[in-house]
PDB file of all heavy atoms in Angstrom:
ATOM      1  N   LEU A   1      88.940 142.169  68.762  1.00  0.00           N
ATOM      2  CA  LEU A   1      88.357 141.022  69.466  1.00  0.00           C
ATOM      3  C   LEU A   1      89.260 140.618  70.635  1.00  0.00           C
ATOM      4  O   LEU A   1      90.484 140.737  70.552  1.00  0.00           O
ATOM      5  CB  LEU A   1      88.225 139.829  68.511  1.00  0.00           C
ATOM      6  CG  LEU A   1      87.405 140.032  67.232  1.00  0.00           C
ATOM      7  CD1 LEU A   1      87.459 138.760  66.380  1.00  0.00           C
ATOM      8  CD2 LEU A   1      85.955 140.374  67.527  1.00  0.00           C
ATOM      9  N   SER A   2      88.642 140.115  71.705  1.00  0.00           N
ATOM     10  CA  SER A   2      89.437 139.589  72.823  1.00  0.00           C
ATOM     11  C   SER A   2      90.005 138.231  72.397  1.00  0.00           C
ATOM     12  O   SER A   2      89.538 137.642  71.424  1.00  0.00           O
ATOM     13  CB  SER A   2      88.544 139.400  74.045  1.00  0.00           C
ATOM     14  OG  SER A   2      87.649 138.320  73.794  1.00  0.00           O
ATOM     15  N   VAL A   3      90.990 137.726  73.160  1.00  0.00           N
ATOM     16  CA  VAL A   3      91.592 136.432  72.823  1.00  0.00           C
ATOM     17  C   VAL A   3      90.522 135.331  72.830  1.00  0.00           C
ATOM     18  O   VAL A   3      90.477 134.470  71.957  1.00  0.00           O
ATOM     19  CB  VAL A   3      92.742 136.078  73.800  1.00  0.00           C
ATOM     20  CG1 VAL A   3      93.229 134.650  73.581  1.00  0.00           C
ATOM     21  CG2 VAL A   3      93.906 137.041  73.587  1.00  0.00           C
ATOM     22  N   THR A   4      89.610 135.388  73.822  1.00  0.00           N
ATOM     23  CA  THR A   4      88.534 134.382  73.892  1.00  0.00           C
ATOM     24  C   THR A   4      87.683 134.427  72.631  1.00  0.00           C
ATOM     25  O   THR A   4      87.324 133.396  72.059  1.00  0.00           O
ATOM     26  CB  THR A   4      87.637 134.654  75.123  1.00  0.00           C
ATOM     27  OG1 THR A   4      88.490 134.809  76.248  1.00  0.00           O
ATOM     28  CG2 THR A   4      86.680 133.512  75.374  1.00  0.00           C
ATOM     29  N   GLU A   5      87.361 135.645  72.184  1.00  0.00           N
ATOM     30  CA  GLU A   5      86.539 135.794  70.972  1.00  0.00           C
ATOM     31  C   GLU A   5      87.298 135.306  69.748  1.00  0.00           C
ATOM     32  O   GLU A   5      86.736 134.628  68.886  1.00  0.00           O
ATOM     33  CB  GLU A   5      86.150 137.256  70.771  1.00  0.00           C
ATOM     34  CG  GLU A   5      85.101 137.752  71.736  1.00  0.00           C
ATOM     35  CD  GLU A   5      84.837 139.244  71.574  1.00  0.00           C
ATOM     36  OE1 GLU A   5      85.803 140.030  71.444  1.00  0.00           O
ATOM     37  OE2 GLU A   5      83.669 139.628  71.566  1.00  0.00           O
ATOM     38  N   ILE A   6      88.586 135.626  69.688  1.00  0.00           N
ATOM     39  CA  ILE A   6      89.393 135.190  68.533  1.00  0.00           C
ATOM     40  C   ILE A   6      89.427 133.659  68.481  1.00  0.00           C
ATOM     41  O   ILE A   6      89.323 133.053  67.417  1.00  0.00           O
ATOM     42  CB  ILE A   6      90.826 135.771  68.580  1.00  0.00           C
ATOM     43  CG1 ILE A   6      90.788 137.288  68.336  1.00  0.00           C
ATOM     44  CG2 ILE A   6      91.719 135.125  67.509  1.00  0.00           C
ATOM     45  CD1 ILE A   6      92.122 137.988  68.485  1.00  0.00           C
ATOM     46  N   LYS A   7      89.528 133.023  69.656  1.00  0.00           N
ATOM     47  CA  LYS A   7      89.532 131.553  69.694  1.00  0.00           C
ATOM     48  C   LYS A   7      88.204 131.003  69.165  1.00  0.00           C
ATOM     49  O   LYS A   7      88.178 130.064  68.374  1.00  0.00           O
ATOM     50  CB  LYS A   7      89.807 131.048  71.118  1.00  0.00           C
ATOM     51  CG  LYS A   7      91.307 131.056  71.434  1.00  0.00           C
ATOM     52  CD  LYS A   7      91.657 131.083  72.901  1.00  0.00           C
ATOM     53  CE  LYS A   7      91.316 129.866  73.690  1.00  0.00           C
ATOM     54  NZ  LYS A   7      91.950 129.918  75.043  1.00  0.00           N
ATOM     55  N   ASP A   8      87.101 131.607  69.594  1.00  0.00           N
ATOM     56  CA  ASP A   8      85.783 131.178  69.109  1.00  0.00           C
ATOM     57  C   ASP A   8      85.651 131.358  67.602  1.00  0.00           C
ATOM     58  O   ASP A   8      85.169 130.481  66.895  1.00  0.00           O
ATOM     59  CB  ASP A   8      84.664 131.974  69.811  1.00  0.00           C
ATOM     60  CG  ASP A   8      84.276 131.359  71.154  1.00  0.00           C
ATOM     61  OD1 ASP A   8      84.826 130.295  71.487  1.00  0.00           O
ATOM     62  OD2 ASP A   8      83.432 131.940  71.856  1.00  0.00           O
ATOM     63  N   VAL A   9      86.078 132.530  67.121  1.00  0.00           N
ATOM     64  CA  VAL A   9      85.978 132.790  65.673  1.00  0.00           C
ATOM     65  C   VAL A   9      86.907 131.837  64.922  1.00  0.00           C
ATOM     66  O   VAL A   9      86.561 131.315  63.859  1.00  0.00           O
ATOM     67  CB  VAL A   9      86.281 134.273  65.333  1.00  0.00           C
ATOM     68  CG1 VAL A   9      86.317 134.489  63.821  1.00  0.00           C
ATOM     69  CG2 VAL A   9      85.220 135.196  65.945  1.00  0.00           C
ATOM     70  N   GLY A  10      88.077 131.553  65.492  1.00  0.00           N
ATOM     71  CA  GLY A  10      89.009 130.605  64.871  1.00  0.00           C
ATOM     72  C   GLY A  10      88.394 129.221  64.733  1.00  0.00           C
ATOM     73  O   GLY A  10      88.496 128.564  63.688  1.00  0.00           O
ATOM     74  N   LEU A  11      87.711 128.778  65.796  1.00  0.00           N
ATOM     75  CA  LEU A  11      87.054 127.464  65.769  1.00  0.00           C
ATOM     76  C   LEU A  11      85.932 127.462  64.724  1.00  0.00           C
ATOM     77  O   LEU A  11      85.764 126.504  63.960  1.00  0.00           O
ATOM     78  CB  LEU A  11      86.484 127.151  67.156  1.00  0.00           C
ATOM     79  CG  LEU A  11      85.804 125.804  67.342  1.00  0.00           C
ATOM     80  CD1 LEU A  11      86.740 124.661  66.954  1.00  0.00           C
ATOM     81  CD2 LEU A  11      85.344 125.610  68.784  1.00  0.00           C
ATOM     82  N   GLU A  12      85.206 128.566  64.666  1.00  0.00           N
ATOM     83  CA  GLU A  12      84.114 128.659  63.694  1.00  0.00           C
ATOM     84  C   GLU A  12      84.655 128.677  62.258  1.00  0.00           C
ATOM     85  O   GLU A  12      84.063 128.095  61.351  1.00  0.00           O
ATOM     86  CB  GLU A  12      83.307 129.926  63.957  1.00  0.00           C
ATOM     87  CG  GLU A  12      82.077 130.018  63.090  1.00  0.00           C
ATOM     88  CD  GLU A  12      81.239 131.238  63.427  1.00  0.00           C
ATOM     89  OE1 GLU A  12      81.787 132.243  63.902  1.00  0.00           O
ATOM     90  OE2 GLU A  12      80.032 131.177  63.197  1.00  0.00           O
ATOM     91  N   LEU A  13      85.814 129.328  62.073  1.00  0.00           N
ATOM     92  CA  LEU A  13      86.440 129.327  60.744  1.00  0.00           C
ATOM     93  C   LEU A  13      86.767 127.904  60.312  1.00  0.00           C
ATOM     94  O   LEU A  13      86.562 127.528  59.164  1.00  0.00           O
ATOM     95  CB  LEU A  13      87.733 130.154  60.762  1.00  0.00           C
ATOM     96  CG  LEU A  13      87.600 131.670  60.676  1.00  0.00           C
ATOM     97  CD1 LEU A  13      88.959 132.327  60.876  1.00  0.00           C
ATOM     98  CD2 LEU A  13      87.011 132.105  59.341  1.00  0.00           C
ATOM     99  N   LEU A  14      87.285 127.116  61.252  1.00  0.00           N
ATOM    100  CA  LEU A  14      87.596 125.711  60.939  1.00  0.00           C
ATOM    101  C   LEU A  14      86.326 124.955  60.577  1.00  0.00           C
ATOM    102  O   LEU A  14      86.300 124.165  59.637  1.00  0.00           O
ATOM    103  CB  LEU A  14      88.241 125.028  62.145  1.00  0.00           C
ATOM    104  CG  LEU A  14      89.743 125.032  62.262  1.00  0.00           C
ATOM    105  CD1 LEU A  14      90.166 124.114  63.388  1.00  0.00           C
ATOM    106  CD2 LEU A  14      90.440 124.599  60.976  1.00  0.00           C
ATOM    107  N   PHE A  15      85.269 125.197  61.354  1.00  0.00           N
ATOM    108  CA  PHE A  15      83.987 124.518  61.113  1.00  0.00           C
ATOM    109  C   PHE A  15      83.440 124.905  59.745  1.00  0.00           C
ATOM    110  O   PHE A  15      83.125 124.063  58.914  1.00  0.00           O
ATOM    111  CB  PHE A  15      82.999 124.911  62.224  1.00  0.00           C
ATOM    112  CG  PHE A  15      81.545 124.733  61.855  1.00  0.00           C
ATOM    113  CD1 PHE A  15      81.056 123.478  61.516  1.00  0.00           C
ATOM    114  CD2 PHE A  15      80.669 125.803  61.858  1.00  0.00           C
ATOM    115  CE1 PHE A  15      79.711 123.299  61.184  1.00  0.00           C
ATOM    116  CE2 PHE A  15      79.331 125.638  61.529  1.00  0.00           C
ATOM    117  CZ  PHE A  15      78.852 124.393  61.187  1.00  0.00           C
ATOM    118  N   ALA A  16      83.366 126.216  59.495  1.00  0.00           N
ATOM    119  CA  ALA A  16      82.747 126.679  58.250  1.00  0.00           C
ATOM    120  C   ALA A  16      83.678 126.460  57.074  1.00  0.00           C
ATOM    121  O   ALA A  16      83.236 126.328  55.940  1.00  0.00           O
ATOM    122  CB  ALA A  16      82.394 128.157  58.388  1.00  0.00           C
ATOM    123  N   GLY A  17      84.990 126.422  57.344  1.00  0.00           N
ATOM    124  CA  GLY A  17      85.945 126.431  56.242  1.00  0.00           C
ATOM    125  C   GLY A  17      86.383 125.079  55.739  1.00  0.00           C
ATOM    126  O   GLY A  17      87.102 124.989  54.762  1.00  0.00           O
ATOM    127  N   HIS A  18      86.013 123.975  56.418  1.00  0.00           N
ATOM    128  CA  HIS A  18      86.500 122.719  55.844  1.00  0.00           C
ATOM    129  C   HIS A  18      85.440 121.647  55.665  1.00  0.00           C
ATOM    130  O   HIS A  18      85.411 120.968  54.660  1.00  0.00           O
ATOM    131  CB  HIS A  18      87.705 122.190  56.637  1.00  0.00           C
ATOM    132  CG  HIS A  18      87.386 121.098  57.587  1.00  0.00           C
ATOM    133  ND1 HIS A  18      86.942 121.342  58.856  1.00  0.00           N
ATOM    134  CD2 HIS A  18      87.427 119.749  57.455  1.00  0.00           C
ATOM    135  CE1 HIS A  18      86.732 120.188  59.456  1.00  0.00           C
ATOM    136  NE2 HIS A  18      87.012 119.212  58.641  1.00  0.00           N
ATOM    137  N   GLU A  19      84.532 121.491  56.630  1.00  0.00           N
ATOM    138  CA  GLU A  19      83.573 120.393  56.524  1.00  0.00           C
ATOM    139  C   GLU A  19      82.617 120.630  55.349  1.00  0.00           C
ATOM    140  O   GLU A  19      82.283 119.716  54.609  1.00  0.00           O
ATOM    141  CB  GLU A  19      82.801 120.274  57.848  1.00  0.00           C
ATOM    142  CG  GLU A  19      81.886 119.085  57.921  1.00  0.00           C
ATOM    143  CD  GLU A  19      82.607 117.745  58.115  1.00  0.00           C
ATOM    144  OE1 GLU A  19      83.789 117.738  58.470  1.00  0.00           O
ATOM    145  OE2 GLU A  19      81.961 116.707  57.904  1.00  0.00           O
ATOM    146  N   THR A  20      82.212 121.888  55.181  1.00  0.00           N
ATOM    147  CA  THR A  20      81.281 122.218  54.090  1.00  0.00           C
ATOM    148  C   THR A  20      81.961 122.062  52.728  1.00  0.00           C
ATOM    149  O   THR A  20      81.374 121.507  51.801  1.00  0.00           O
ATOM    150  CB  THR A  20      80.790 123.666  54.236  1.00  0.00           C
ATOM    151  OG1 THR A  20      81.930 124.502  54.403  1.00  0.00           O
ATOM    152  CG2 THR A  20      79.883 123.818  55.439  1.00  0.00           C
ATOM    153  N   THR A  21      83.221 122.527  52.626  1.00  0.00           N
ATOM    154  CA  THR A  21      83.921 122.387  51.338  1.00  0.00           C
ATOM    155  C   THR A  21      84.232 120.929  51.043  1.00  0.00           C
ATOM    156  O   THR A  21      84.175 120.503  49.891  1.00  0.00           O
ATOM    157  CB  THR A  21      85.232 123.224  51.303  1.00  0.00           C
ATOM    158  OG1 THR A  21      85.832 123.187  52.588  1.00  0.00           O
ATOM    159  CG2 THR A  21      84.972 124.655  50.925  1.00  0.00           C
ATOM    160  N   ALA A  22      84.513 120.137  52.091  1.00  0.00           N
ATOM    161  CA  ALA A  22      84.758 118.696  51.873  1.00  0.00           C
ATOM    162  C   ALA A  22      83.498 118.048  51.297  1.00  0.00           C
ATOM    163  O   ALA A  22      83.560 117.215  50.392  1.00  0.00           O
ATOM    164  CB  ALA A  22      85.160 118.016  53.172  1.00  0.00           C
ATOM    165  N   SER A  23      82.342 118.439  51.820  1.00  0.00           N
ATOM    166  CA  SER A  23      81.073 117.914  51.319  1.00  0.00           C
ATOM    167  C   SER A  23      80.918 118.256  49.832  1.00  0.00           C
ATOM    168  O   SER A  23      80.558 117.405  49.010  1.00  0.00           O
ATOM    169  CB  SER A  23      79.914 118.513  52.129  1.00  0.00           C
ATOM    170  OG  SER A  23      78.677 118.174  51.561  1.00  0.00           O
ATOM    171  N   ALA A  24      81.238 119.496  49.482  1.00  0.00           N
ATOM    172  CA  ALA A  24      81.102 119.915  48.075  1.00  0.00           C
ATOM    173  C   ALA A  24      82.104 119.207  47.165  1.00  0.00           C
ATOM    174  O   ALA A  24      81.790 118.900  46.010  1.00  0.00           O
ATOM    175  CB  ALA A  24      81.255 121.431  47.968  1.00  0.00           C
ATOM    176  N   THR A  25      83.316 118.896  47.662  1.00  0.00           N
ATOM    177  CA  THR A  25      84.282 118.180  46.810  1.00  0.00           C
ATOM    178  C   THR A  25      83.771 116.775  46.491  1.00  0.00           C
ATOM    179  O   THR A  25      83.986 116.270  45.393  1.00  0.00           O
ATOM    180  CB  THR A  25      85.689 118.082  47.461  1.00  0.00           C
ATOM    181  OG1 THR A  25      85.557 117.518  48.764  1.00  0.00           O
ATOM    182  CG2 THR A  25      86.394 119.414  47.523  1.00  0.00           C
ATOM    183  N   VAL A  26      83.086 116.144  47.463  1.00  0.00           N
ATOM    184  CA  VAL A  26      82.511 114.816  47.197  1.00  0.00           C
ATOM    185  C   VAL A  26      81.444 114.921  46.102  1.00  0.00           C
ATOM    186  O   VAL A  26      81.389 114.109  45.173  1.00  0.00           O
ATOM    187  CB  VAL A  26      81.915 114.190  48.488  1.00  0.00           C
ATOM    188  CG1 VAL A  26      81.112 112.943  48.157  1.00  0.00           C
ATOM    189  CG2 VAL A  26      83.024 113.840  49.475  1.00  0.00           C
ATOM    190  N   THR A  27      80.596 115.946  46.193  1.00  0.00           N
ATOM    191  CA  THR A  27      79.572 116.154  45.155  1.00  0.00           C
ATOM    192  C   THR A  27      80.238 116.345  43.794  1.00  0.00           C
ATOM    193  O   THR A  27      79.817 115.764  42.796  1.00  0.00           O
ATOM    194  CB  THR A  27      78.718 117.408  45.477  1.00  0.00           C
ATOM    195  OG1 THR A  27      78.154 117.253  46.774  1.00  0.00           O
ATOM    196  CG2 THR A  27      77.612 117.606  44.462  1.00  0.00           C
ATOM    197  N   ILE A  28      81.295 117.146  43.759  1.00  0.00           N
ATOM    198  CA  ILE A  28      81.984 117.432  42.487  1.00  0.00           C
ATOM    199  C   ILE A  28      82.529 116.140  41.879  1.00  0.00           C
ATOM    200  O   ILE A  28      82.306 115.854  40.704  1.00  0.00           O
ATOM    201  CB  ILE A  28      83.104 118.486  42.690  1.00  0.00           C
ATOM    202  CG1 ILE A  28      82.475 119.861  42.944  1.00  0.00           C
ATOM    203  CG2 ILE A  28      84.040 118.545  41.471  1.00  0.00           C
ATOM    204  CD1 ILE A  28      83.446 120.933  43.422  1.00  0.00           C
ATOM    205  N   ILE A  29      83.225 115.327  42.703  1.00  0.00           N
ATOM    206  CA  ILE A  29      83.831 114.118  42.122  1.00  0.00           C
ATOM    207  C   ILE A  29      82.745 113.153  41.636  1.00  0.00           C
ATOM    208  O   ILE A  29      82.872 112.533  40.579  1.00  0.00           O
ATOM    209  CB  ILE A  29      84.825 113.431  43.115  1.00  0.00           C
ATOM    210  CG1 ILE A  29      85.772 112.477  42.353  1.00  0.00           C
ATOM    211  CG2 ILE A  29      84.136 112.622  44.195  1.00  0.00           C
ATOM    212  CD1 ILE A  29      87.055 113.073  41.948  1.00  0.00           C
ATOM    213  N   LEU A  30      81.650 113.041  42.382  1.00  0.00           N
ATOM    214  CA  LEU A  30      80.564 112.144  41.955  1.00  0.00           C
ATOM    215  C   LEU A  30      79.928 112.641  40.661  1.00  0.00           C
ATOM    216  O   LEU A  30      79.676 111.863  39.733  1.00  0.00           O
ATOM    217  CB  LEU A  30      79.487 112.058  43.051  1.00  0.00           C
ATOM    218  CG  LEU A  30      79.778 111.106  44.206  1.00  0.00           C
ATOM    219  CD1 LEU A  30      78.758 111.282  45.316  1.00  0.00           C
ATOM    220  CD2 LEU A  30      79.796 109.647  43.733  1.00  0.00           C
ATOM    221  N   GLN A  31      79.665 113.949  40.584  1.00  0.00           N
ATOM    222  CA  GLN A  31      79.006 114.488  39.386  1.00  0.00           C
ATOM    223  C   GLN A  31      79.929 114.435  38.165  1.00  0.00           C
ATOM    224  O   GLN A  31      79.474 114.169  37.053  1.00  0.00           O
ATOM    225  CB  GLN A  31      78.500 115.917  39.639  1.00  0.00           C
ATOM    226  CG  GLN A  31      77.376 116.002  40.667  1.00  0.00           C
ATOM    227  CD  GLN A  31      76.118 115.235  40.243  1.00  0.00           C
ATOM    228  OE1 GLN A  31      75.947 114.812  39.106  1.00  0.00           O
ATOM    229  NE2 GLN A  31      75.217 115.025  41.200  1.00  0.00           N
ATOM    230  N   LEU A  32      81.225 114.648  38.359  1.00  0.00           N
ATOM    231  CA  LEU A  32      82.159 114.546  37.229  1.00  0.00           C
ATOM    232  C   LEU A  32      82.241 113.096  36.748  1.00  0.00           C
ATOM    233  O   LEU A  32      82.388 112.830  35.556  1.00  0.00           O
ATOM    234  CB  LEU A  32      83.555 115.036  37.625  1.00  0.00           C
ATOM    235  CG  LEU A  32      83.727 116.533  37.908  1.00  0.00           C
ATOM    236  CD1 LEU A  32      85.164 116.831  38.327  1.00  0.00           C
ATOM    237  CD2 LEU A  32      83.330 117.404  36.721  1.00  0.00           C
ATOM    238  N   THR A  33      82.132 112.149  37.698  1.00  0.00           N
ATOM    239  CA  THR A  33      82.196 110.724  37.326  1.00  0.00           C
ATOM    240  C   THR A  33      80.965 110.338  36.519  1.00  0.00           C
ATOM    241  O   THR A  33      81.045 109.567  35.559  1.00  0.00           O
ATOM    242  CB  THR A  33      82.293 109.847  38.603  1.00  0.00           C
ATOM    243  OG1 THR A  33      83.304 110.387  39.448  1.00  0.00           O
ATOM    244  CG2 THR A  33      82.652 108.418  38.265  1.00  0.00           C
ATOM    245  N   LYS A  34      79.819 110.881  36.900  1.00  0.00           N
ATOM    246  CA  LYS A  34      78.573 110.535  36.198  1.00  0.00           C
ATOM    247  C   LYS A  34      78.411 111.297  34.891  1.00  0.00           C
ATOM    248  O   LYS A  34      77.653 110.891  34.022  1.00  0.00           O
ATOM    249  CB  LYS A  34      77.371 110.879  37.094  1.00  0.00           C
ATOM    250  CG  LYS A  34      77.238 110.023  38.323  1.00  0.00           C
ATOM    251  CD  LYS A  34      76.051 110.522  39.153  1.00  0.00           C
ATOM    252  CE  LYS A  34      76.044 109.896  40.522  1.00  0.00           C
ATOM    253  NZ  LYS A  34      74.965 110.396  41.382  1.00  0.00           N
ATOM    254  N   ASN A  35      79.070 112.446  34.756  1.00  0.00           N
ATOM    255  CA  ASN A  35      78.859 113.313  33.590  1.00  0.00           C
ATOM    256  C   ASN A  35      80.161 113.555  32.838  1.00  0.00           C
ATOM    257  O   ASN A  35      80.789 114.604  32.957  1.00  0.00           O
ATOM    258  CB  ASN A  35      78.255 114.658  34.040  1.00  0.00           C
ATOM    259  CG  ASN A  35      76.907 114.487  34.711  1.00  0.00           C
ATOM    260  OD1 ASN A  35      75.885 114.352  34.058  1.00  0.00           O
ATOM    261  ND2 ASN A  35      76.910 114.464  36.035  1.00  0.00           N
ATOM    262  N   LYS A  36      80.540 112.562  32.040  1.00  0.00           N
ATOM    263  CA  LYS A  36      81.820 112.643  31.311  1.00  0.00           C
ATOM    264  C   LYS A  36      81.856 113.852  30.362  1.00  0.00           C
ATOM    265  O   LYS A  36      82.911 114.431  30.114  1.00  0.00           O
ATOM    266  CB  LYS A  36      82.046 111.355  30.493  1.00  0.00           C
ATOM    267  CG  LYS A  36      82.191 110.107  31.361  1.00  0.00           C
ATOM    268  CD  LYS A  36      83.559 110.038  32.032  1.00  0.00           C
ATOM    269  CE  LYS A  36      83.731 108.803  32.878  1.00  0.00           C
ATOM    270  NZ  LYS A  36      83.707 109.040  34.318  1.00  0.00           N
ATOM    271  N   ASP A  37      80.680 114.228  29.839  1.00  0.00           N
ATOM    272  CA  ASP A  37      80.625 115.371  28.927  1.00  0.00           C
ATOM    273  C   ASP A  37      81.068 116.664  29.629  1.00  0.00           C
ATOM    274  O   ASP A  37      81.675 117.543  29.020  1.00  0.00           O
ATOM    275  CB  ASP A  37      79.202 115.545  28.374  1.00  0.00           C
ATOM    276  CG  ASP A  37      78.169 115.625  29.494  1.00  0.00           C
ATOM    277  OD1 ASP A  37      78.289 114.852  30.472  1.00  0.00           O
ATOM    278  OD2 ASP A  37      77.250 116.458  29.413  1.00  0.00           O
ATOM    279  N   VAL A  38      80.790 116.753  30.933  1.00  0.00           N
ATOM    280  CA  VAL A  38      81.182 117.943  31.698  1.00  0.00           C
ATOM    281  C   VAL A  38      82.704 117.999  31.790  1.00  0.00           C
ATOM    282  O   VAL A  38      83.319 119.056  31.612  1.00  0.00           O
ATOM    283  CB  VAL A  38      80.537 117.935  33.111  1.00  0.00           C
ATOM    284  CG1 VAL A  38      81.089 119.051  33.987  1.00  0.00           C
ATOM    285  CG2 VAL A  38      79.015 118.048  32.998  1.00  0.00           C
ATOM    286  N   VAL A  39      83.325 116.829  32.017  1.00  0.00           N
ATOM    287  CA  VAL A  39      84.790 116.762  32.099  1.00  0.00           C
ATOM    288  C   VAL A  39      85.405 117.200  30.764  1.00  0.00           C
ATOM    289  O   VAL A  39      86.331 118.017  30.722  1.00  0.00           O
ATOM    290  CB  VAL A  39      85.265 115.338  32.477  1.00  0.00           C
ATOM    291  CG1 VAL A  39      86.785 115.255  32.506  1.00  0.00           C
ATOM    292  CG2 VAL A  39      84.688 114.936  33.836  1.00  0.00           C
ATOM    293  N   SER A  40      84.859 116.679  29.641  1.00  0.00           N
ATOM    294  CA  SER A  40      85.400 117.047  28.314  1.00  0.00           C
ATOM    295  C   SER A  40      85.268 118.540  28.077  1.00  0.00           C
ATOM    296  O   SER A  40      86.188 119.188  27.566  1.00  0.00           O
ATOM    297  CB  SER A  40      84.646 116.329  27.185  1.00  0.00           C
ATOM    298  OG  SER A  40      84.509 114.972  27.509  1.00  0.00           O
ATOM    299  N   LYS A  41      84.128 119.085  28.433  1.00  0.00           N
ATOM    300  CA  LYS A  41      83.895 120.507  28.197  1.00  0.00           C
ATOM    301  C   LYS A  41      84.839 121.363  29.039  1.00  0.00           C
ATOM    302  O   LYS A  41      85.356 122.387  28.583  1.00  0.00           O
ATOM    303  CB  LYS A  41      82.430 120.841  28.523  1.00  0.00           C
ATOM    304  CG  LYS A  41      81.995 122.133  27.902  1.00  0.00           C
ATOM    305  CD  LYS A  41      80.500 122.297  27.847  1.00  0.00           C
ATOM    306  CE  LYS A  41      80.221 123.709  27.371  1.00  0.00           C
ATOM    307  NZ  LYS A  41      78.822 124.024  27.287  1.00  0.00           N
ATOM    308  N   PHE A  42      85.089 120.917  30.252  1.00  0.00           N
ATOM    309  CA  PHE A  42      86.011 121.665  31.108  1.00  0.00           C
ATOM    310  C   PHE A  42      87.443 121.554  30.588  1.00  0.00           C
ATOM    311  O   PHE A  42      88.203 122.515  30.625  1.00  0.00           O
ATOM    312  CB  PHE A  42      85.900 121.186  32.567  1.00  0.00           C
ATOM    313  CG  PHE A  42      86.875 121.879  33.479  1.00  0.00           C
ATOM    314  CD1 PHE A  42      87.054 123.265  33.408  1.00  0.00           C
ATOM    315  CD2 PHE A  42      87.621 121.182  34.398  1.00  0.00           C
ATOM    316  CE1 PHE A  42      87.968 123.918  34.236  1.00  0.00           C
ATOM    317  CE2 PHE A  42      88.535 121.823  35.222  1.00  0.00           C
ATOM    318  CZ  PHE A  42      88.711 123.193  35.146  1.00  0.00           C
ATOM    319  N   MET A  43      87.814 120.379  30.051  1.00  0.00           N
ATOM    320  CA  MET A  43      89.155 120.226  29.457  1.00  0.00           C
ATOM    321  C   MET A  43      89.351 121.223  28.313  1.00  0.00           C
ATOM    322  O   MET A  43      90.423 121.796  28.152  1.00  0.00           O
ATOM    323  CB  MET A  43      89.366 118.785  28.952  1.00  0.00           C
ATOM    324  CG  MET A  43      89.919 117.816  29.971  1.00  0.00           C
ATOM    325  SD  MET A  43      91.348 118.373  30.947  1.00  0.00           S
ATOM    326  CE  MET A  43      92.730 118.038  29.870  1.00  0.00           C
ATOM    327  N   GLU A  44      88.266 121.427  27.527  1.00  0.00           N
ATOM    328  CA  GLU A  44      88.337 122.411  26.437  1.00  0.00           C
ATOM    329  C   GLU A  44      88.655 123.799  26.996  1.00  0.00           C
ATOM    330  O   GLU A  44      89.464 124.539  26.456  1.00  0.00           O
ATOM    331  CB  GLU A  44      86.999 122.474  25.666  1.00  0.00           C
ATOM    332  CG  GLU A  44      86.704 121.243  24.815  1.00  0.00           C
ATOM    333  CD  GLU A  44      87.856 120.889  23.872  1.00  0.00           C
ATOM    334  OE1 GLU A  44      88.308 121.790  23.125  1.00  0.00           O
ATOM    335  OE2 GLU A  44      88.325 119.731  23.890  1.00  0.00           O
ATOM    336  N   GLU A  45      87.964 124.145  28.088  1.00  0.00           N
ATOM    337  CA  GLU A  45      88.216 125.464  28.689  1.00  0.00           C
ATOM    338  C   GLU A  45      89.665 125.561  29.174  1.00  0.00           C
ATOM    339  O   GLU A  45      90.338 126.565  28.964  1.00  0.00           O
ATOM    340  CB  GLU A  45      87.244 125.735  29.853  1.00  0.00           C
ATOM    341  CG  GLU A  45      87.471 127.106  30.477  1.00  0.00           C
ATOM    342  CD  GLU A  45      86.409 127.512  31.487  1.00  0.00           C
ATOM    343  OE1 GLU A  45      86.316 126.873  32.558  1.00  0.00           O
ATOM    344  OE2 GLU A  45      85.662 128.460  31.210  1.00  0.00           O
ATOM    345  N   LEU A  46      90.156 124.478  29.814  1.00  0.00           N
ATOM    346  CA  LEU A  46      91.542 124.471  30.289  1.00  0.00           C
ATOM    347  C   LEU A  46      92.514 124.687  29.125  1.00  0.00           C
ATOM    348  O   LEU A  46      93.468 125.447  29.228  1.00  0.00           O
ATOM    349  CB  LEU A  46      91.853 123.148  30.991  1.00  0.00           C
ATOM    350  CG  LEU A  46      91.337 122.995  32.424  1.00  0.00           C
ATOM    351  CD1 LEU A  46      91.518 121.558  32.902  1.00  0.00           C
ATOM    352  CD2 LEU A  46      92.054 123.936  33.375  1.00  0.00           C
ATOM    353  N   LYS A  47      92.217 124.002  27.986  1.00  0.00           N
ATOM    354  CA  LYS A  47      93.095 124.159  26.807  1.00  0.00           C
ATOM    355  C   LYS A  47      93.084 125.601  26.329  1.00  0.00           C
ATOM    356  O   LYS A  47      94.126 126.174  25.979  1.00  0.00           O
ATOM    357  CB  LYS A  47      92.648 123.220  25.681  1.00  0.00           C
ATOM    358  CG  LYS A  47      93.111 121.789  25.901  1.00  0.00           C
ATOM    359  CD  LYS A  47      92.649 120.849  24.788  1.00  0.00           C
ATOM    360  CE  LYS A  47      92.976 119.415  25.166  1.00  0.00           C
ATOM    361  NZ  LYS A  47      91.957 118.466  24.700  1.00  0.00           N
TER     362      LYS A  47
END
């Protein structure tokens, strides 16, 4: 890739790589808060 292309792909990586995952982390924290049974079940797996 040319430097210009690498810059574009770099910007796109930032776009695709953080805003979407931030959105999903909010969903995760809300769903874990509403579903205590899911948290308990996951703790079992961790153990």
